[in-house]
């Protein structure tokens, strides 16, 4: 189903802010430009959850995350 397609890459980085150090960058598959979410997160798990919510991602039966963009199914990869 989702084999062979370029994944949507989600990068979570830790910054120098004291209370909410984590930021999220999403690199969609294809020629689309990567974009950075404006919201900051206190925990890495919360940043991951926020990115999945932004992508409207679902979990497949085998446990991998996927999202639908323009009618095509893409896997979500965390870097």
PDB file of N, CA and C in Angstrom:
ATOM      1  N   UNK A   1       0.812  -1.188   0.000  1.00  0.00           N
ATOM      2  CA  UNK A   1       0.000   0.000   0.000  1.00  0.00           C
ATOM      3  C   UNK A   1       0.859   1.258   0.000  1.00  0.00           C
ATOM      4  N   UNK A   2       1.828   1.375   0.901  1.00  0.00           N
ATOM      5  CA  UNK A   2       2.621   2.594   0.983  1.00  0.00           C
ATOM      6  C   UNK A   2       4.080   2.340   0.635  1.00  0.00           C
ATOM      7  N   UNK A   3       4.373   1.178   0.073  1.00  0.00           N
ATOM      8  CA  UNK A   3       5.747   0.835  -0.234  1.00  0.00           C
ATOM      9  C   UNK A   3       6.231   1.572  -1.481  1.00  0.00           C
ATOM     10  N   UNK A   4       7.449   2.076  -1.438  1.00  0.00           N
ATOM     11  CA  UNK A   4       8.051   2.673  -2.605  1.00  0.00           C
ATOM     12  C   UNK A   4       7.843   4.169  -2.771  1.00  0.00           C
ATOM     13  N   UNK A   5       7.044   4.793  -1.951  1.00  0.00           N
ATOM     14  CA  UNK A   5       6.826   6.235  -2.068  1.00  0.00           C
ATOM     15  C   UNK A   5       7.760   6.973  -1.118  1.00  0.00           C
ATOM     16  N   UNK A   6       8.107   8.193  -1.502  1.00  0.00           N
ATOM     17  CA  UNK A   6       8.951   9.021  -0.645  1.00  0.00           C
ATOM     18  C   UNK A   6       8.156   9.411   0.600  1.00  0.00           C
ATOM     19  N   UNK A   7       8.748   9.277   1.772  1.00  0.00           N
ATOM     20  CA  UNK A   7       8.001   9.587   2.994  1.00  0.00           C
ATOM     21  C   UNK A   7       7.949  11.081   3.286  1.00  0.00           C
ATOM     22  N   UNK A   8       7.004  11.452   4.129  1.00  0.00           N
ATOM     23  CA  UNK A   8       6.946  12.793   4.698  1.00  0.00           C
ATOM     24  C   UNK A   8       7.871  12.761   5.918  1.00  0.00           C
ATOM     25  N   UNK A   9       8.906  13.594   5.914  1.00  0.00           N
ATOM     26  CA  UNK A   9       9.916  13.557   6.974  1.00  0.00           C
ATOM     27  C   UNK A   9       9.609  14.636   8.007  1.00  0.00           C
ATOM     28  N   UNK A  10       9.500  14.220   9.270  1.00  0.00           N
ATOM     29  CA  UNK A  10       9.240  15.131  10.384  1.00  0.00           C
ATOM     30  C   UNK A  10      10.504  15.180  11.238  1.00  0.00           C
ATOM     31  N   UNK A  11      11.051  16.388  11.422  1.00  0.00           N
ATOM     32  CA  UNK A  11      12.262  16.576  12.224  1.00  0.00           C
ATOM     33  C   UNK A  11      11.909  17.362  13.477  1.00  0.00           C
ATOM     34  N   UNK A  12      12.288  16.817  14.629  1.00  0.00           N
ATOM     35  CA  UNK A  12      12.059  17.485  15.912  1.00  0.00           C
ATOM     36  C   UNK A  12      13.417  17.904  16.460  1.00  0.00           C
ATOM     37  N   UNK A  13      13.589  19.210  16.679  1.00  0.00           N
ATOM     38  CA  UNK A  13      14.867  19.729  17.161  1.00  0.00           C
ATOM     39  C   UNK A  13      14.704  20.382  18.520  1.00  0.00           C
ATOM     40  N   UNK A  14      15.752  20.285  19.306  1.00  0.00           N
ATOM     41  CA  UNK A  14      15.775  20.916  20.621  1.00  0.00           C
ATOM     42  C   UNK A  14      16.533  22.235  20.507  1.00  0.00           C
ATOM     43  N   UNK A  15      15.894  23.314  20.942  1.00  0.00           N
ATOM     44  CA  UNK A  15      16.502  24.634  20.892  1.00  0.00           C
ATOM     45  C   UNK A  15      17.034  25.048  22.252  1.00  0.00           C
ATOM     46  N   UNK A  16      17.274  26.346  22.418  1.00  0.00           N
ATOM     47  CA  UNK A  16      17.854  26.850  23.657  1.00  0.00           C
ATOM     48  C   UNK A  16      16.829  27.465  24.599  1.00  0.00           C
ATOM     49  N   UNK A  17      15.544  27.433  24.229  1.00  0.00           N
ATOM     50  CA  UNK A  17      14.525  27.974  25.120  1.00  0.00           C
ATOM     51  C   UNK A  17      14.399  27.085  26.352  1.00  0.00           C
ATOM     52  N   UNK A  18      14.146  27.686  27.487  1.00  0.00           N
ATOM     53  CA  UNK A  18      14.129  26.942  28.742  1.00  0.00           C
ATOM     54  C   UNK A  18      12.853  26.125  28.924  1.00  0.00           C
ATOM     55  N   UNK A  19      11.697  26.717  28.693  1.00  0.00           N
ATOM     56  CA  UNK A  19      10.458  26.015  29.027  1.00  0.00           C
ATOM     57  C   UNK A  19       9.877  25.216  27.868  1.00  0.00           C
ATOM     58  N   UNK A  20      10.023  25.687  26.639  1.00  0.00           N
ATOM     59  CA  UNK A  20       9.494  24.973  25.476  1.00  0.00           C
ATOM     60  C   UNK A  20      10.574  24.888  24.392  1.00  0.00           C
ATOM     61  N   UNK A  21      11.501  23.964  24.519  1.00  0.00           N
ATOM     62  CA  UNK A  21      12.646  23.942  23.616  1.00  0.00           C
ATOM     63  C   UNK A  21      12.430  23.239  22.276  1.00  0.00           C
ATOM     64  N   UNK A  22      11.369  22.461  22.104  1.00  0.00           N
ATOM     65  CA  UNK A  22      11.245  21.625  20.909  1.00  0.00           C
ATOM     66  C   UNK A  22      10.458  22.313  19.796  1.00  0.00           C
ATOM     67  N   UNK A  23      11.024  22.274  18.574  1.00  0.00           N
ATOM     68  CA  UNK A  23      10.360  22.802  17.389  1.00  0.00           C
ATOM     69  C   UNK A  23      10.247  21.675  16.364  1.00  0.00           C
ATOM     70  N   UNK A  24       9.301  21.827  15.443  1.00  0.00           N
ATOM     71  CA  UNK A  24       9.011  20.785  14.465  1.00  0.00           C
ATOM     72  C   UNK A  24       9.151  21.361  13.062  1.00  0.00           C
ATOM     73  N   UNK A  25       9.851  20.627  12.185  1.00  0.00           N
ATOM     74  CA  UNK A  25       9.949  20.948  10.773  1.00  0.00           C
ATOM     75  C   UNK A  25       9.384  19.772   9.990  1.00  0.00           C
ATOM     76  N   UNK A  26       8.486  20.060   9.036  1.00  0.00           N
ATOM     77  CA  UNK A  26       7.850  19.023   8.237  1.00  0.00           C
ATOM     78  C   UNK A  26       8.299  19.185   6.787  1.00  0.00           C
ATOM     79  N   UNK A  27       8.850  18.119   6.215  1.00  0.00           N
ATOM     80  CA  UNK A  27       9.298  18.115   4.827  1.00  0.00           C
ATOM     81  C   UNK A  27       8.378  17.187   4.034  1.00  0.00           C
ATOM     82  N   UNK A  28       7.371  17.733   3.337  1.00  0.00           N
ATOM     83  CA  UNK A  28       6.449  16.889   2.587  1.00  0.00           C
ATOM     84  C   UNK A  28       7.155  16.187   1.424  1.00  0.00           C
ATOM     85  N   UNK A  29       6.569  15.115   0.979  1.00  0.00           N
ATOM     86  CA  UNK A  29       7.122  14.366  -0.147  1.00  0.00           C
ATOM     87  C   UNK A  29       6.963  15.180  -1.421  1.00  0.00           C
ATOM     88  N   UNK A  30       7.847  14.947  -2.376  1.00  0.00           N
ATOM     89  CA  UNK A  30       7.759  15.632  -3.664  1.00  0.00           C
ATOM     90  C   UNK A  30       8.495  16.953  -3.668  1.00  0.00           C
ATOM     91  N   UNK A  31       7.997  17.886  -4.468  1.00  0.00           N
ATOM     92  CA  UNK A  31       8.679  19.168  -4.648  1.00  0.00           C
ATOM     93  C   UNK A  31       8.246  20.238  -3.659  1.00  0.00           C
ATOM     94  N   UNK A  32       7.360  19.927  -2.766  1.00  0.00           N
ATOM     95  CA  UNK A  32       6.866  20.920  -1.809  1.00  0.00           C
ATOM     96  C   UNK A  32       7.994  21.366  -0.879  1.00  0.00           C
ATOM     97  N   UNK A  33       7.949  22.624  -0.506  1.00  0.00           N
ATOM     98  CA  UNK A  33       8.965  23.197   0.379  1.00  0.00           C
ATOM     99  C   UNK A  33       8.748  22.724   1.816  1.00  0.00           C
ATOM    100  N   UNK A  34       9.826  22.440   2.543  1.00  0.00           N
ATOM    101  CA  UNK A  34       9.672  22.118   3.968  1.00  0.00           C
ATOM    102  C   UNK A  34       9.177  23.346   4.721  1.00  0.00           C
ATOM    103  N   UNK A  35       8.385  23.115   5.740  1.00  0.00           N
ATOM    104  CA  UNK A  35       7.902  24.233   6.538  1.00  0.00           C
ATOM    105  C   UNK A  35       8.061  23.928   8.015  1.00  0.00           C
ATOM    106  N   UNK A  36       8.127  25.001   8.788  1.00  0.00           N
ATOM    107  CA  UNK A  36       8.368  24.906  10.228  1.00  0.00           C
ATOM    108  C   UNK A  36       7.094  25.308  10.953  1.00  0.00           C
ATOM    109  N   UNK A  37       6.672  24.480  11.881  1.00  0.00           N
ATOM    110  CA  UNK A  37       5.494  24.807  12.667  1.00  0.00           C
ATOM    111  C   UNK A  37       5.846  25.939  13.620  1.00  0.00           C
ATOM    112  N   UNK A  38       4.928  26.883  13.792  1.00  0.00           N
ATOM    113  CA  UNK A  38       5.217  28.051  14.621  1.00  0.00           C
ATOM    114  C   UNK A  38       5.105  27.744  16.111  1.00  0.00           C
ATOM    115  N   UNK A  39       4.463  26.658  16.452  1.00  0.00           N
ATOM    116  CA  UNK A  39       4.262  26.321  17.855  1.00  0.00           C
ATOM    117  C   UNK A  39       5.495  25.615  18.424  1.00  0.00           C
ATOM    118  N   UNK A  40       5.784  25.895  19.690  1.00  0.00           N
ATOM    119  CA  UNK A  40       6.874  25.224  20.413  1.00  0.00           C
ATOM    120  C   UNK A  40       6.273  24.245  21.395  1.00  0.00           C
ATOM    121  N   UNK A  41       7.058  23.239  21.768  1.00  0.00           N
ATOM    122  CA  UNK A  41       6.569  22.195  22.663  1.00  0.00           C
ATOM    123  C   UNK A  41       7.541  21.987  23.818  1.00  0.00           C
ATOM    124  N   UNK A  42       6.993  21.580  24.951  1.00  0.00           N
ATOM    125  CA  UNK A  42       7.805  21.353  26.140  1.00  0.00           C
ATOM    126  C   UNK A  42       8.463  19.979  26.122  1.00  0.00           C
ATOM    127  N   UNK A  43       7.802  19.005  25.494  1.00  0.00           N
ATOM    128  CA  UNK A  43       8.316  17.635  25.470  1.00  0.00           C
ATOM    129  C   UNK A  43       8.382  17.123  24.038  1.00  0.00           C
ATOM    130  N   UNK A  44       9.308  16.219  23.794  1.00  0.00           N
ATOM    131  CA  UNK A  44       9.472  15.630  22.472  1.00  0.00           C
ATOM    132  C   UNK A  44       8.214  14.862  22.055  1.00  0.00           C
ATOM    133  N   UNK A  45       7.600  14.168  22.987  1.00  0.00           N
ATOM    134  CA  UNK A  45       6.393  13.401  22.702  1.00  0.00           C
ATOM    135  C   UNK A  45       5.246  14.322  22.274  1.00  0.00           C
ATOM    136  N   UNK A  46       5.126  15.471  22.914  1.00  0.00           N
ATOM    137  CA  UNK A  46       4.108  16.443  22.536  1.00  0.00           C
ATOM    138  C   UNK A  46       4.355  17.018  21.150  1.00  0.00           C
ATOM    139  N   UNK A  47       5.634  17.216  20.800  1.00  0.00           N
ATOM    140  CA  UNK A  47       5.977  17.715  19.464  1.00  0.00           C
ATOM    141  C   UNK A  47       5.607  16.686  18.401  1.00  0.00           C
ATOM    142  N   UNK A  48       5.858  15.419  18.688  1.00  0.00           N
ATOM    143  CA  UNK A  48       5.499  14.348  17.756  1.00  0.00           C
ATOM    144  C   UNK A  48       3.986  14.290  17.573  1.00  0.00           C
ATOM    145  N   UNK A  49       3.261  14.386  18.653  1.00  0.00           N
ATOM    146  CA  UNK A  49       1.804  14.353  18.609  1.00  0.00           C
ATOM    147  C   UNK A  49       1.257  15.545  17.812  1.00  0.00           C
ATOM    148  N   UNK A  50       1.850  16.723  18.012  1.00  0.00           N
ATOM    149  CA  UNK A  50       1.428  17.914  17.285  1.00  0.00           C
ATOM    150  C   UNK A  50       1.685  17.803  15.790  1.00  0.00           C
ATOM    151  N   UNK A  51       2.819  17.206  15.425  1.00  0.00           N
ATOM    152  CA  UNK A  51       3.133  17.025  14.005  1.00  0.00           C
ATOM    153  C   UNK A  51       2.156  16.042  13.359  1.00  0.00           C
ATOM    154  N   UNK A  52       1.844  14.967  14.055  1.00  0.00           N
ATOM    155  CA  UNK A  52       0.884  13.998  13.517  1.00  0.00           C
ATOM    156  C   UNK A  52      -0.502  14.617  13.392  1.00  0.00           C
ATOM    157  N   UNK A  53      -0.862  15.453  14.337  1.00  0.00           N
ATOM    158  CA  UNK A  53      -2.146  16.149  14.269  1.00  0.00           C
ATOM    159  C   UNK A  53      -2.174  17.129  13.094  1.00  0.00           C
ATOM    160  N   UNK A  54      -1.074  17.825  12.856  1.00  0.00           N
ATOM    161  CA  UNK A  54      -0.976  18.764  11.745  1.00  0.00           C
ATOM    162  C   UNK A  54      -1.117  18.037  10.401  1.00  0.00           C
ATOM    163  N   UNK A  55      -0.541  16.848  10.302  1.00  0.00           N
ATOM    164  CA  UNK A  55      -0.597  16.067   9.068  1.00  0.00           C
ATOM    165  C   UNK A  55      -1.887  15.264   8.927  1.00  0.00           C
ATOM    166  N   UNK A  56      -2.707  15.235   9.978  1.00  0.00           N
ATOM    167  CA  UNK A  56      -3.909  14.404  10.014  1.00  0.00           C
ATOM    168  C   UNK A  56      -3.554  12.952   9.710  1.00  0.00           C
ATOM    169  N   UNK A  57      -2.511  12.474  10.377  1.00  0.00           N
ATOM    170  CA  UNK A  57      -1.973  11.139  10.121  1.00  0.00           C
ATOM    171  C   UNK A  57      -2.789  10.070  10.836  1.00  0.00           C
ATOM    172  N   UNK A  58      -2.769   8.878  10.260  1.00  0.00           N
ATOM    173  CA  UNK A  58      -3.419   7.711  10.831  1.00  0.00           C
ATOM    174  C   UNK A  58      -2.393   6.604  10.987  1.00  0.00           C
ATOM    175  N   UNK A  59      -2.706   5.660  11.843  1.00  0.00           N
ATOM    176  CA  UNK A  59      -1.815   4.538  12.064  1.00  0.00           C
ATOM    177  C   UNK A  59      -2.333   3.327  11.292  1.00  0.00           C
ATOM    178  N   UNK A  60      -1.445   2.635  10.598  1.00  0.00           N
ATOM    179  CA  UNK A  60      -1.850   1.460   9.837  1.00  0.00           C
ATOM    180  C   UNK A  60      -1.891   0.236  10.745  1.00  0.00           C
ATOM    181  N   UNK A  61      -2.310  -0.875  10.190  1.00  0.00           N
ATOM    182  CA  UNK A  61      -2.408  -2.117  10.958  1.00  0.00           C
ATOM    183  C   UNK A  61      -1.052  -2.622  11.423  1.00  0.00           C
ATOM    184  N   UNK A  62       0.003  -2.307  10.679  1.00  0.00           N
ATOM    185  CA  UNK A  62       1.333  -2.804  11.045  1.00  0.00           C
ATOM    186  C   UNK A  62       2.074  -1.844  11.972  1.00  0.00           C
ATOM    187  N   UNK A  63       1.453  -0.722  12.322  1.00  0.00           N
ATOM    188  CA  UNK A  63       2.032   0.176  13.308  1.00  0.00           C
ATOM    189  C   UNK A  63       2.772   1.369  12.758  1.00  0.00           C
ATOM    190  N   UNK A  64       2.785   1.565  11.442  1.00  0.00           N
ATOM    191  CA  UNK A  64       3.446   2.735  10.881  1.00  0.00           C
ATOM    192  C   UNK A  64       2.424   3.842  10.666  1.00  0.00           C
ATOM    193  N   UNK A  65       2.894   5.077  10.687  1.00  0.00           N
ATOM    194  CA  UNK A  65       2.017   6.231  10.482  1.00  0.00           C
ATOM    195  C   UNK A  65       1.988   6.573   9.005  1.00  0.00           C
ATOM    196  N   UNK A  66       0.840   7.026   8.514  1.00  0.00           N
ATOM    197  CA  UNK A  66       0.712   7.464   7.136  1.00  0.00           C
ATOM    198  C   UNK A  66      -0.238   8.643   7.070  1.00  0.00           C
ATOM    199  N   UNK A  67      -0.107   9.428   5.996  1.00  0.00           N
ATOM    200  CA  UNK A  67      -0.971  10.574   5.782  1.00  0.00           C
ATOM    201  C   UNK A  67      -1.423  10.597   4.327  1.00  0.00           C
ATOM    202  N   UNK A  68      -2.529  11.257   4.070  1.00  0.00           N
ATOM    203  CA  UNK A  68      -3.063  11.358   2.715  1.00  0.00           C
ATOM    204  C   UNK A  68      -2.923  12.815   2.263  1.00  0.00           C
ATOM    205  N   UNK A  69      -2.184  13.020   1.165  1.00  0.00           N
ATOM    206  CA  UNK A  69      -1.969  14.346   0.598  1.00  0.00           C
ATOM    207  C   UNK A  69      -2.401  14.299  -0.856  1.00  0.00           C
ATOM    208  N   UNK A  70      -3.364  15.126  -1.220  1.00  0.00           N
ATOM    209  CA  UNK A  70      -3.910  15.185  -2.585  1.00  0.00           C
ATOM    210  C   UNK A  70      -4.360  13.812  -3.083  1.00  0.00           C
ATOM    211  N   UNK A  71      -4.943  13.027  -2.217  1.00  0.00           N
ATOM    212  CA  UNK A  71      -5.462  11.726  -2.597  1.00  0.00           C
ATOM    213  C   UNK A  71      -4.439  10.620  -2.654  1.00  0.00           C
ATOM    214  N   UNK A  72      -3.177  10.906  -2.373  1.00  0.00           N
ATOM    215  CA  UNK A  72      -2.123   9.889  -2.373  1.00  0.00           C
ATOM    216  C   UNK A  72      -1.694   9.595  -0.948  1.00  0.00           C
ATOM    217  N   UNK A  73      -1.363   8.342  -0.683  1.00  0.00           N
ATOM    218  CA  UNK A  73      -0.974   7.909   0.656  1.00  0.00           C
ATOM    219  C   UNK A  73       0.542   7.955   0.772  1.00  0.00           C
ATOM    220  N   UNK A  74       1.049   8.644   1.825  1.00  0.00           N
ATOM    221  CA  UNK A  74       2.485   8.757   2.074  1.00  0.00           C
ATOM    222  C   UNK A  74       2.800   8.294   3.490  1.00  0.00           C
ATOM    223  N   UNK A  75       3.896   7.552   3.673  1.00  0.00           N
ATOM    224  CA  UNK A  75       4.297   7.198   5.036  1.00  0.00           C
ATOM    225  C   UNK A  75       4.912   8.416   5.734  1.00  0.00           C
ATOM    226  N   UNK A  76       4.865   8.413   7.064  1.00  0.00           N
ATOM    227  CA  UNK A  76       5.457   9.494   7.871  1.00  0.00           C
ATOM    228  C   UNK A  76       6.688   8.930   8.552  1.00  0.00           C
ATOM    229  N   UNK A  77       7.816   9.608   8.378  1.00  0.00           N
ATOM    230  CA  UNK A  77       9.088   9.168   8.958  1.00  0.00           C
ATOM    231  C   UNK A  77       9.588  10.250   9.907  1.00  0.00           C
ATOM    232  N   UNK A  78      10.041   9.842  11.091  1.00  0.00           N
ATOM    233  CA  UNK A  78      10.576  10.788  12.075  1.00  0.00           C
ATOM    234  C   UNK A  78      12.102  10.720  12.038  1.00  0.00           C
ATOM    235  N   UNK A  79      12.734  11.874  11.867  1.00  0.00           N
ATOM    236  CA  UNK A  79      14.183  11.931  11.815  1.00  0.00           C
ATOM    237  C   UNK A  79      14.731  12.592  13.043  1.00  0.00           C
TER     238      UNK A  79
END
